[in-house]
Amino acid sequence: MPHLVMEYSNSVDERVNVQGLLEDLHHAAIQSGLFDAPSLKSRSLRYHNWIVGNEGDSADFVHITFELLDGRTPEQKRELSRLLMTVLQAQAGHIASLTVNVRDMDKHSFQKVVN
């Protein structure tokens, strides 16, 4: 049910092991204990076009969006964000912009089908 989406500028590919980073973020999220491990889905999206502030596309970035069903406390979400940022900084600390956003999904409107 939780979704970890790692978005990054294509210049990151040359400087970071993207698959390894995604795997480590996935495992860090599982270690948070906020959800059942089999329900976590992690994926990455590479961007070829981006603009950062006045630097245009010369500043690279990695942004993590983590969505999970509502019901966690602000402290739990803050700790999850901190865990993910720790992994990001350890493996991609040389990237210009690292960001993490943990946000709630509405239980009443979320739907899931598993075959």
Protein backbone atom coordinates (compact mmCIF):
# COMPACT_ATOMS: atom_id res chain seq x y z
CA MET A 1 0.00 0.00 0.00
CA PRO A 2 2.77 2.51 0.75
CA HIS A 3 4.49 3.94 -2.32
CA LEU A 4 8.04 5.21 -2.45
CA VAL A 5 8.77 7.18 -5.62
CA MET A 6 12.30 8.41 -6.24
CA GLU A 7 12.46 11.13 -8.88
CA TYR A 8 15.85 12.27 -10.13
CA SER A 9 17.57 14.29 -12.83
CA ASN A 10 19.27 12.21 -15.50
CA SER A 11 22.65 13.62 -14.46
CA VAL A 12 22.33 11.62 -11.22
CA ASP A 13 22.74 8.37 -13.18
CA GLU A 14 26.38 9.23 -13.79
CA ARG A 15 27.11 9.93 -10.13
CA VAL A 16 24.92 7.55 -8.08
CA ASN A 17 24.04 3.86 -8.20
CA VAL A 18 20.33 4.56 -8.68
CA GLN A 19 19.15 0.95 -8.30
CA GLY A 20 21.27 0.49 -5.18
CA LEU A 21 19.93 3.73 -3.71
CA LEU A 22 16.35 2.70 -4.44
CA GLU A 23 16.91 -0.68 -2.77
CA ASP A 24 18.45 0.92 0.31
CA LEU A 25 15.59 3.43 0.58
CA HIS A 26 13.11 0.56 0.25
CA HIS A 27 14.82 -1.38 3.06
CA ALA A 28 15.06 1.70 5.30
CA ALA A 29 11.33 2.29 4.87
CA ILE A 30 10.59 -1.32 5.82
CA GLN A 31 12.78 -0.99 8.91
CA SER A 32 10.59 1.91 10.07
CA GLY A 33 7.97 -0.66 11.08
CA LEU A 34 5.09 1.59 9.99
CA PHE A 35 3.54 -0.94 7.58
CA ASP A 36 3.74 -4.53 6.37
CA ALA A 37 6.86 -5.06 4.25
CA PRO A 38 5.08 -6.96 1.41
CA SER A 39 2.83 -3.96 0.78
CA LEU A 40 5.63 -1.47 -0.02
CA LYS A 41 6.13 -0.57 -3.68
CA SER A 42 9.22 1.41 -4.65
CA ARG A 43 10.12 2.80 -8.04
CA SER A 44 12.21 5.50 -9.66
CA LEU A 45 11.50 8.07 -12.34
CA ARG A 46 14.34 9.62 -14.34
CA TYR A 47 13.77 13.12 -15.71
CA HIS A 48 15.42 14.41 -18.83
CA ASN A 49 14.02 17.93 -18.50
CA TRP A 50 14.02 19.99 -15.30
CA ILE A 51 14.71 23.45 -13.94
CA VAL A 52 16.00 24.24 -10.46
CA GLY A 53 15.78 27.88 -9.38
CA ASN A 54 18.04 30.12 -11.43
CA GLU A 55 20.43 27.26 -12.18
CA GLY A 56 18.25 25.67 -14.85
CA ASP A 57 19.23 22.09 -15.53
CA SER A 58 22.79 22.46 -14.22
CA ALA A 59 21.68 21.59 -10.66
CA ASP A 60 20.86 17.92 -10.20
CA PHE A 61 18.29 16.59 -7.75
CA VAL A 62 16.79 13.55 -6.05
CA HIS A 63 13.30 13.87 -4.60
CA ILE A 64 11.53 11.15 -2.61
CA THR A 65 7.76 11.10 -2.32
CA PHE A 66 6.49 8.57 0.20
CA GLU A 67 2.75 8.02 0.35
CA LEU A 68 1.10 5.89 3.02
CA LEU A 69 -2.41 5.50 4.33
CA ASP A 70 -3.33 8.11 6.89
CA GLY A 71 -3.28 7.26 10.56
CA ARG A 72 0.40 7.67 11.46
CA THR A 73 1.43 10.34 13.93
CA PRO A 74 3.45 13.38 12.84
CA GLU A 75 6.38 11.97 14.82
CA GLN A 76 6.23 8.64 12.96
CA LYS A 77 6.17 10.42 9.59
CA ARG A 78 9.00 12.73 10.65
CA GLU A 79 11.10 9.71 11.68
CA LEU A 80 10.39 7.99 8.35
CA SER A 81 11.45 11.15 6.53
CA ARG A 82 14.64 11.30 8.62
CA LEU A 83 15.46 7.64 7.87
CA LEU A 84 15.04 8.20 4.14
CA MET A 85 17.11 11.40 4.19
CA THR A 86 19.90 9.61 6.05
CA VAL A 87 20.15 7.07 3.23
CA LEU A 88 19.98 9.84 0.61
CA GLN A 89 22.76 11.83 2.24
CA ALA A 90 24.98 8.78 2.65
CA GLN A 91 24.76 7.78 -1.01
CA ALA A 92 23.94 11.02 -2.83
CA GLY A 93 25.26 13.76 -0.54
CA HIS A 94 27.13 15.28 -3.48
CA ILE A 95 23.87 15.91 -5.40
CA ALA A 96 22.78 19.58 -5.34
CA SER A 97 19.23 19.05 -4.04
CA LEU A 98 17.95 16.20 -1.86
CA THR A 99 14.35 16.32 -0.66
CA VAL A 100 11.85 13.98 1.02
CA ASN A 101 8.09 14.44 1.30
CA VAL A 102 6.01 12.00 3.33
CA ARG A 103 2.29 12.39 2.76
CA ASP A 104 -0.95 10.70 3.68
CA MET A 105 -3.28 8.87 1.33
CA ASP A 106 -6.96 9.11 2.21
CA LYS A 107 -8.23 5.71 3.40
CA HIS A 108 -11.74 6.50 2.19
CA SER A 109 -10.77 7.14 -1.42
CA PHE A 110 -7.84 4.74 -1.85
CA GLN A 111 -8.67 1.55 -3.75
CA LYS A 112 -6.57 -1.53 -4.33
CA VAL A 113 -7.04 -4.74 -6.31
CA VAL A 114 -4.63 -7.63 -5.92
CA ASN A 115 -4.91 -10.59 -8.28
